[in-house]
């Protein structure tokens, strides 16, 4: 169980921490770059980060379901664990939408030197990553806050 908890926590830290960095530091740091350069940099950076997110999702699902099984299944889970599971699945679905929708359009716009469509897609990515960041931070608060109540 300790290994599952550790892997689960590390996967969550990589995902949520990466979103925090991208939104609160990288986005601001590249703001002065010319749009074609900025969009290409963001597309490349997000592509590398999203590989880690895919790995994190697999680890979170495997370890999360394993821990739920150890706890006696969904019926035996404390409410806060059920909430974490639901929010986590919602985050995964939002990520998949980002990856196969706006991020795919961002990469296509960058490849075609279509700055306008790339910028529109990047705006959609930013909005959805912000939503996922808020959900991820909320899940961390639920995980640690409710555990001690």
N, C-alpha and C. Protein backbone atom coordinates (compact mmCIF):
# COMPACT_ATOMS: atom_id res chain seq x y z
N UNK A 1 0.83 -1.20 0.00
CA UNK A 1 0.00 0.00 0.00
C UNK A 1 0.87 1.27 0.00
N UNK A 2 1.98 1.25 0.74
CA UNK A 2 2.84 2.44 0.81
C UNK A 2 3.39 2.80 -0.57
N UNK A 3 3.76 1.80 -1.36
CA UNK A 3 4.29 2.07 -2.71
C UNK A 3 3.21 2.68 -3.59
N UNK A 4 1.98 2.18 -3.48
CA UNK A 4 0.87 2.73 -4.28
C UNK A 4 0.60 4.17 -3.89
N UNK A 5 0.57 4.47 -2.61
CA UNK A 5 0.33 5.84 -2.14
C UNK A 5 1.44 6.76 -2.65
N UNK A 6 2.69 6.30 -2.55
CA UNK A 6 3.83 7.12 -2.99
C UNK A 6 3.76 7.40 -4.49
N UNK A 7 3.53 6.37 -5.29
CA UNK A 7 3.43 6.57 -6.74
C UNK A 7 2.25 7.47 -7.09
N UNK A 8 1.14 7.27 -6.41
CA UNK A 8 -0.06 8.08 -6.65
C UNK A 8 0.24 9.56 -6.37
N UNK A 9 0.87 9.81 -5.24
CA UNK A 9 1.20 11.17 -4.85
C UNK A 9 2.19 11.81 -5.83
N UNK A 10 3.22 11.06 -6.22
CA UNK A 10 4.21 11.60 -7.16
C UNK A 10 3.57 11.93 -8.51
N UNK A 11 2.69 11.06 -9.00
CA UNK A 11 2.02 11.32 -10.28
C UNK A 11 1.16 12.58 -10.19
N UNK A 12 0.46 12.75 -9.07
CA UNK A 12 -0.37 13.94 -8.89
C UNK A 12 0.48 15.20 -8.80
N UNK A 13 1.61 15.12 -8.10
CA UNK A 13 2.50 16.29 -7.97
C UNK A 13 3.05 16.69 -9.33
N UNK A 14 3.47 15.72 -10.14
CA UNK A 14 4.00 16.03 -11.47
C UNK A 14 2.93 16.72 -12.31
N UNK A 15 1.71 16.19 -12.32
CA UNK A 15 0.64 16.75 -13.15
C UNK A 15 0.23 18.14 -12.66
N UNK A 16 -0.14 18.25 -11.39
CA UNK A 16 -0.63 19.53 -10.87
C UNK A 16 0.51 20.55 -10.83
N UNK A 17 1.68 20.13 -10.42
CA UNK A 17 2.83 21.05 -10.39
C UNK A 17 3.20 21.55 -11.78
N UNK A 18 3.12 20.65 -12.76
CA UNK A 18 3.40 21.06 -14.14
C UNK A 18 2.40 22.09 -14.64
N UNK A 19 1.14 21.88 -14.30
CA UNK A 19 0.12 22.86 -14.71
C UNK A 19 0.36 24.20 -14.03
N UNK A 20 0.70 24.16 -12.74
CA UNK A 20 0.96 25.39 -12.01
C UNK A 20 2.14 26.14 -12.64
N UNK A 21 3.23 25.42 -12.93
CA UNK A 21 4.39 26.04 -13.55
C UNK A 21 4.03 26.65 -14.92
N UNK A 22 3.35 25.86 -15.75
CA UNK A 22 3.02 26.33 -17.09
C UNK A 22 2.13 27.56 -17.05
N UNK A 23 1.17 27.56 -16.13
CA UNK A 23 0.20 28.66 -16.09
C UNK A 23 0.74 29.89 -15.37
N UNK A 24 1.44 29.67 -14.27
CA UNK A 24 1.84 30.79 -13.42
C UNK A 24 3.24 31.33 -13.71
N UNK A 25 4.07 30.57 -14.44
CA UNK A 25 5.44 31.04 -14.71
C UNK A 25 5.74 31.06 -16.21
N UNK A 26 5.65 29.92 -16.86
CA UNK A 26 6.03 29.85 -18.28
C UNK A 26 5.19 30.78 -19.14
N UNK A 27 3.86 30.75 -18.96
CA UNK A 27 2.96 31.59 -19.75
C UNK A 27 3.35 33.06 -19.65
N UNK A 28 3.68 33.50 -18.45
CA UNK A 28 4.04 34.90 -18.22
C UNK A 28 5.43 35.19 -18.80
N UNK A 29 6.36 34.26 -18.62
CA UNK A 29 7.73 34.46 -19.08
C UNK A 29 7.83 34.59 -20.59
N UNK A 30 6.97 33.90 -21.33
CA UNK A 30 7.05 33.95 -22.79
C UNK A 30 6.15 35.03 -23.39
N UNK A 31 5.48 35.79 -22.55
CA UNK A 31 4.52 36.78 -23.02
C UNK A 31 5.09 37.85 -23.94
N UNK A 32 6.38 38.16 -23.81
CA UNK A 32 6.99 39.20 -24.63
C UNK A 32 7.52 38.68 -25.97
N UNK A 33 7.51 37.38 -26.16
CA UNK A 33 8.00 36.81 -27.43
C UNK A 33 7.00 37.08 -28.54
N UNK A 34 7.50 37.14 -29.75
CA UNK A 34 6.62 37.29 -30.91
C UNK A 34 5.69 36.08 -30.98
N UNK A 35 4.42 36.29 -31.38
CA UNK A 35 3.45 35.18 -31.37
C UNK A 35 3.92 33.89 -32.03
N UNK A 36 4.52 33.91 -33.23
CA UNK A 36 4.93 32.63 -33.82
C UNK A 36 5.95 31.87 -32.96
N UNK A 37 6.87 32.61 -32.37
CA UNK A 37 7.90 32.00 -31.52
C UNK A 37 7.27 31.49 -30.23
N UNK A 38 6.43 32.32 -29.61
CA UNK A 38 5.76 31.96 -28.36
C UNK A 38 4.90 30.71 -28.54
N UNK A 39 4.11 30.68 -29.61
CA UNK A 39 3.21 29.55 -29.84
C UNK A 39 3.98 28.27 -30.14
N UNK A 40 5.06 28.38 -30.89
CA UNK A 40 5.89 27.20 -31.17
C UNK A 40 6.53 26.68 -29.89
N UNK A 41 7.02 27.58 -29.06
CA UNK A 41 7.62 27.18 -27.79
C UNK A 41 6.59 26.51 -26.89
N UNK A 42 5.41 27.09 -26.80
CA UNK A 42 4.36 26.51 -25.95
C UNK A 42 3.92 25.15 -26.47
N UNK A 43 3.78 25.02 -27.79
CA UNK A 43 3.37 23.73 -28.36
C UNK A 43 4.41 22.66 -28.05
N UNK A 44 5.67 23.00 -28.21
CA UNK A 44 6.75 22.02 -27.93
C UNK A 44 6.80 21.68 -26.46
N UNK A 45 6.73 22.69 -25.60
CA UNK A 45 6.80 22.47 -24.15
C UNK A 45 5.61 21.65 -23.67
N UNK A 46 4.41 22.02 -24.12
CA UNK A 46 3.22 21.26 -23.71
C UNK A 46 3.28 19.83 -24.22
N UNK A 47 3.80 19.63 -25.42
CA UNK A 47 3.93 18.28 -25.95
C UNK A 47 4.80 17.41 -25.05
N UNK A 48 5.91 17.96 -24.60
CA UNK A 48 6.79 17.21 -23.68
C UNK A 48 6.10 16.97 -22.34
N UNK A 49 5.44 18.00 -21.81
CA UNK A 49 4.74 17.86 -20.53
C UNK A 49 3.59 16.87 -20.65
N UNK A 50 2.86 16.92 -21.74
CA UNK A 50 1.69 16.02 -21.88
C UNK A 50 2.10 14.56 -21.92
N UNK A 51 3.32 14.24 -22.37
CA UNK A 51 3.80 12.87 -22.28
C UNK A 51 3.86 12.42 -20.82
N UNK A 52 4.31 13.31 -19.95
CA UNK A 52 4.34 13.01 -18.52
C UNK A 52 2.93 12.91 -17.95
N UNK A 53 2.02 13.73 -18.44
CA UNK A 53 0.64 13.66 -17.95
C UNK A 53 0.02 12.30 -18.30
N UNK A 54 0.26 11.82 -19.53
CA UNK A 54 -0.27 10.50 -19.90
C UNK A 54 0.25 9.43 -18.94
N UNK A 55 1.54 9.46 -18.64
CA UNK A 55 2.11 8.50 -17.71
C UNK A 55 1.48 8.67 -16.33
N UNK A 56 1.31 9.91 -15.92
CA UNK A 56 0.69 10.19 -14.63
C UNK A 56 -0.73 9.67 -14.55
N UNK A 57 -1.49 9.83 -15.61
CA UNK A 57 -2.87 9.34 -15.62
C UNK A 57 -2.90 7.83 -15.44
N UNK A 58 -2.03 7.13 -16.13
CA UNK A 58 -1.98 5.67 -15.98
C UNK A 58 -1.64 5.30 -14.54
N UNK A 59 -0.63 5.94 -13.98
CA UNK A 59 -0.23 5.65 -12.60
C UNK A 59 -1.35 6.00 -11.63
N UNK A 60 -1.99 7.15 -11.82
CA UNK A 60 -3.07 7.55 -10.92
C UNK A 60 -4.24 6.57 -10.98
N UNK A 61 -4.61 6.13 -12.17
CA UNK A 61 -5.71 5.17 -12.29
C UNK A 61 -5.36 3.83 -11.66
N UNK A 62 -4.19 3.30 -11.99
CA UNK A 62 -3.80 1.98 -11.47
C UNK A 62 -3.69 2.02 -9.94
N UNK A 63 -2.96 3.00 -9.43
CA UNK A 63 -2.77 3.06 -7.97
C UNK A 63 -4.06 3.42 -7.25
N UNK A 64 -4.85 4.33 -7.84
CA UNK A 64 -6.11 4.72 -7.22
C UNK A 64 -7.08 3.55 -7.12
N UNK A 65 -7.24 2.80 -8.20
CA UNK A 65 -8.15 1.65 -8.18
C UNK A 65 -7.61 0.57 -7.25
N UNK A 66 -6.30 0.38 -7.23
CA UNK A 66 -5.69 -0.57 -6.30
C UNK A 66 -6.01 -0.20 -4.86
N UNK A 67 -5.83 1.08 -4.51
CA UNK A 67 -6.08 1.51 -3.13
C UNK A 67 -7.56 1.41 -2.78
N UNK A 68 -8.43 1.72 -3.73
CA UNK A 68 -9.87 1.57 -3.49
C UNK A 68 -10.19 0.11 -3.21
N UNK A 69 -9.57 -0.80 -3.96
CA UNK A 69 -9.77 -2.22 -3.73
C UNK A 69 -9.31 -2.64 -2.34
N UNK A 70 -8.15 -2.14 -1.92
CA UNK A 70 -7.62 -2.45 -0.59
C UNK A 70 -8.57 -1.95 0.50
N UNK A 71 -9.20 -0.80 0.24
CA UNK A 71 -10.11 -0.21 1.23
C UNK A 71 -11.47 -0.89 1.23
N UNK A 72 -11.68 -1.87 0.37
CA UNK A 72 -12.94 -2.59 0.37
C UNK A 72 -13.87 -2.24 -0.78
N UNK A 73 -13.39 -1.51 -1.75
CA UNK A 73 -14.20 -1.16 -2.91
C UNK A 73 -14.91 0.17 -2.76
N UNK A 74 -15.62 0.54 -3.81
CA UNK A 74 -16.28 1.84 -3.83
C UNK A 74 -17.28 2.02 -2.69
N UNK A 75 -17.98 0.96 -2.31
CA UNK A 75 -18.99 1.05 -1.25
C UNK A 75 -18.40 1.33 0.12
N UNK A 76 -17.15 0.96 0.32
CA UNK A 76 -16.52 1.13 1.63
C UNK A 76 -15.68 2.40 1.73
N UNK A 77 -15.60 3.15 0.64
CA UNK A 77 -14.74 4.34 0.64
C UNK A 77 -15.34 5.47 1.45
N UNK A 78 -14.47 6.25 2.13
CA UNK A 78 -14.96 7.49 2.73
C UNK A 78 -15.42 8.44 1.62
N UNK A 79 -16.33 9.32 1.95
CA UNK A 79 -16.87 10.25 0.96
C UNK A 79 -15.78 11.07 0.29
N UNK A 80 -14.79 11.52 1.06
CA UNK A 80 -13.74 12.35 0.47
C UNK A 80 -12.96 11.59 -0.59
N UNK A 81 -12.80 10.27 -0.44
CA UNK A 81 -12.09 9.49 -1.45
C UNK A 81 -12.93 9.39 -2.72
N UNK A 82 -14.23 9.20 -2.56
CA UNK A 82 -15.13 9.16 -3.71
C UNK A 82 -15.09 10.50 -4.46
N UNK A 83 -15.10 11.60 -3.73
CA UNK A 83 -15.02 12.92 -4.37
C UNK A 83 -13.70 13.07 -5.12
N UNK A 84 -12.60 12.64 -4.51
CA UNK A 84 -11.30 12.70 -5.18
C UNK A 84 -11.32 11.88 -6.46
N UNK A 85 -11.91 10.71 -6.42
CA UNK A 85 -11.96 9.84 -7.58
C UNK A 85 -12.76 10.50 -8.71
N UNK A 86 -13.92 11.04 -8.36
CA UNK A 86 -14.77 11.69 -9.37
C UNK A 86 -14.07 12.89 -9.98
N UNK A 87 -13.46 13.73 -9.15
CA UNK A 87 -12.76 14.91 -9.66
C UNK A 87 -11.56 14.47 -10.51
N UNK A 88 -10.85 13.44 -10.07
CA UNK A 88 -9.71 12.93 -10.84
C UNK A 88 -10.12 12.44 -12.21
N UNK A 89 -11.21 11.70 -12.28
CA UNK A 89 -11.71 11.21 -13.58
C UNK A 89 -12.13 12.40 -14.45
N UNK A 90 -12.78 13.40 -13.85
CA UNK A 90 -13.16 14.60 -14.61
C UNK A 90 -11.91 15.29 -15.17
N UNK A 91 -10.86 15.38 -14.37
CA UNK A 91 -9.61 16.00 -14.83
C UNK A 91 -9.01 15.22 -15.99
N UNK A 92 -9.07 13.90 -15.91
CA UNK A 92 -8.54 13.06 -16.99
C UNK A 92 -9.31 13.28 -18.28
N UNK A 93 -10.62 13.38 -18.17
CA UNK A 93 -11.45 13.62 -19.35
C UNK A 93 -11.18 15.00 -19.95
N UNK A 94 -11.03 16.00 -19.09
CA UNK A 94 -10.70 17.35 -19.57
C UNK A 94 -9.34 17.32 -20.27
N UNK A 95 -8.36 16.62 -19.68
CA UNK A 95 -7.05 16.53 -20.31
C UNK A 95 -7.15 15.88 -21.69
N UNK A 96 -7.91 14.79 -21.78
CA UNK A 96 -8.05 14.12 -23.08
C UNK A 96 -8.69 15.05 -24.11
N UNK A 97 -9.66 15.86 -23.66
CA UNK A 97 -10.25 16.85 -24.56
C UNK A 97 -9.19 17.86 -25.01
N UNK A 98 -8.39 18.35 -24.05
CA UNK A 98 -7.31 19.28 -24.40
C UNK A 98 -6.39 18.66 -25.42
N UNK A 99 -5.95 17.44 -25.15
CA UNK A 99 -4.93 16.79 -25.98
C UNK A 99 -5.43 16.53 -27.40
N UNK A 100 -6.63 15.99 -27.51
CA UNK A 100 -7.14 15.61 -28.84
C UNK A 100 -7.90 16.73 -29.54
N UNK A 101 -8.15 17.84 -28.84
CA UNK A 101 -8.85 18.97 -29.43
C UNK A 101 -7.93 20.17 -29.60
N UNK A 102 -7.98 21.12 -28.65
CA UNK A 102 -7.21 22.35 -28.82
C UNK A 102 -5.71 22.15 -28.99
N UNK A 103 -5.10 21.20 -28.27
CA UNK A 103 -3.66 21.00 -28.41
C UNK A 103 -3.32 20.49 -29.81
N UNK A 104 -4.14 19.60 -30.34
CA UNK A 104 -3.92 19.11 -31.71
C UNK A 104 -4.03 20.27 -32.70
N UNK A 105 -5.00 21.17 -32.48
CA UNK A 105 -5.16 22.33 -33.36
C UNK A 105 -4.00 23.32 -33.19
N UNK A 106 -3.49 23.45 -31.96
CA UNK A 106 -2.33 24.31 -31.71
C UNK A 106 -1.13 23.82 -32.52
N UNK A 107 -0.85 22.53 -32.44
CA UNK A 107 0.29 21.97 -33.19
C UNK A 107 0.09 22.13 -34.69
N UNK A 108 -1.12 21.92 -35.17
CA UNK A 108 -1.39 22.07 -36.60
C UNK A 108 -1.22 23.52 -37.04
N UNK A 109 -1.70 24.46 -36.23
CA UNK A 109 -1.54 25.87 -36.55
C UNK A 109 -0.09 26.29 -36.57
N UNK A 110 0.68 25.82 -35.61
CA UNK A 110 2.12 26.13 -35.58
C UNK A 110 2.80 25.54 -36.81
N UNK A 111 2.50 24.29 -37.14
CA UNK A 111 3.13 23.62 -38.29
C UNK A 111 2.80 24.33 -39.60
N UNK A 112 1.58 24.88 -39.69
CA UNK A 112 1.15 25.57 -40.91
C UNK A 112 1.48 27.06 -40.89
N UNK A 113 2.15 27.53 -39.85
CA UNK A 113 2.44 28.96 -39.66
C UNK A 113 1.16 29.80 -39.67
N UNK A 114 0.09 29.22 -39.15
CA UNK A 114 -1.19 29.91 -39.03
C UNK A 114 -1.30 30.43 -37.60
N UNK A 115 -0.73 31.60 -37.38
CA UNK A 115 -0.65 32.16 -36.04
C UNK A 115 -2.03 32.39 -35.43
N UNK A 116 -2.99 32.81 -36.24
CA UNK A 116 -4.32 33.10 -35.71
C UNK A 116 -4.98 31.84 -35.16
N UNK A 117 -4.97 30.75 -35.92
CA UNK A 117 -5.62 29.53 -35.43
C UNK A 117 -4.83 28.92 -34.27
N UNK A 118 -3.50 29.03 -34.31
CA UNK A 118 -2.68 28.52 -33.21
C UNK A 118 -2.96 29.30 -31.93
N UNK A 119 -3.09 30.63 -32.05
CA UNK A 119 -3.36 31.46 -30.88
C UNK A 119 -4.74 31.15 -30.30
N UNK A 120 -5.71 30.94 -31.16
CA UNK A 120 -7.06 30.59 -30.68
C UNK A 120 -7.02 29.26 -29.94
N UNK A 121 -6.34 28.28 -30.49
CA UNK A 121 -6.22 26.97 -29.84
C UNK A 121 -5.47 27.09 -28.52
N UNK A 122 -4.41 27.90 -28.49
CA UNK A 122 -3.65 28.08 -27.26
C UNK A 122 -4.51 28.70 -26.18
N UNK A 123 -5.37 29.62 -26.55
CA UNK A 123 -6.31 30.21 -25.59
C UNK A 123 -7.24 29.16 -25.00
N UNK A 124 -7.70 28.24 -25.83
CA UNK A 124 -8.55 27.15 -25.35
C UNK A 124 -7.77 26.23 -24.42
N UNK A 125 -6.54 25.91 -24.80
CA UNK A 125 -5.70 25.08 -23.93
C UNK A 125 -5.53 25.77 -22.58
N UNK A 126 -5.21 27.05 -22.60
CA UNK A 126 -4.99 27.80 -21.36
C UNK A 126 -6.22 27.78 -20.47
N UNK A 127 -7.39 27.99 -21.04
CA UNK A 127 -8.63 27.99 -20.26
C UNK A 127 -8.87 26.64 -19.60
N UNK A 128 -8.69 25.57 -20.37
CA UNK A 128 -8.95 24.23 -19.84
C UNK A 128 -7.88 23.78 -18.85
N UNK A 129 -6.64 24.19 -19.08
CA UNK A 129 -5.59 23.87 -18.11
C UNK A 129 -5.85 24.62 -16.81
N UNK A 130 -6.34 25.85 -16.89
CA UNK A 130 -6.69 26.60 -15.69
C UNK A 130 -7.77 25.85 -14.90
N UNK A 131 -8.78 25.38 -15.60
CA UNK A 131 -9.84 24.60 -14.95
C UNK A 131 -9.25 23.36 -14.28
N UNK A 132 -8.40 22.63 -15.00
CA UNK A 132 -7.81 21.42 -14.43
C UNK A 132 -6.89 21.75 -13.26
N UNK A 133 -6.19 22.86 -13.33
CA UNK A 133 -5.34 23.27 -12.22
C UNK A 133 -6.17 23.51 -10.96
N UNK A 134 -7.27 24.22 -11.11
CA UNK A 134 -8.16 24.48 -9.97
C UNK A 134 -8.69 23.15 -9.41
N UNK A 135 -9.12 22.27 -10.30
CA UNK A 135 -9.62 20.96 -9.84
C UNK A 135 -8.52 20.16 -9.15
N UNK A 136 -7.30 20.21 -9.68
CA UNK A 136 -6.18 19.49 -9.07
C UNK A 136 -5.84 20.03 -7.69
N UNK A 137 -5.82 21.34 -7.56
CA UNK A 137 -5.55 21.94 -6.25
C UNK A 137 -6.67 21.62 -5.27
N UNK A 138 -7.90 21.65 -5.74
CA UNK A 138 -9.04 21.28 -4.90
C UNK A 138 -8.92 19.84 -4.42
N UNK A 139 -8.51 18.96 -5.31
CA UNK A 139 -8.36 17.55 -4.95
C UNK A 139 -7.28 17.37 -3.88
N UNK A 140 -6.21 18.12 -3.98
CA UNK A 140 -5.15 18.06 -2.96
C UNK A 140 -5.69 18.52 -1.61
N UNK A 141 -6.46 19.59 -1.63
CA UNK A 141 -7.06 20.09 -0.38
C UNK A 141 -8.00 19.03 0.21
N UNK A 142 -8.80 18.42 -0.64
CA UNK A 142 -9.72 17.38 -0.18
C UNK A 142 -8.93 16.20 0.39
N UNK A 143 -7.89 15.79 -0.32
CA UNK A 143 -7.10 14.63 0.11
C UNK A 143 -6.47 14.84 1.49
N UNK A 144 -5.91 15.98 1.69
CA UNK A 144 -5.23 16.23 2.97
C UNK A 144 -6.14 16.82 4.02
N UNK A 145 -7.06 17.67 3.64
CA UNK A 145 -7.93 18.32 4.61
C UNK A 145 -8.92 17.37 5.25
N UNK A 146 -9.62 16.60 4.44
CA UNK A 146 -10.66 15.73 4.98
C UNK A 146 -10.09 14.52 5.70
N UNK A 147 -8.90 14.13 5.36
CA UNK A 147 -8.28 12.97 5.99
C UNK A 147 -8.10 13.21 7.47
N UNK A 148 -7.91 14.47 7.88
CA UNK A 148 -7.64 14.77 9.28
C UNK A 148 -8.88 15.21 10.04
N UNK A 149 -10.03 15.24 9.39
CA UNK A 149 -11.26 15.63 10.11
C UNK A 149 -11.84 14.46 10.87
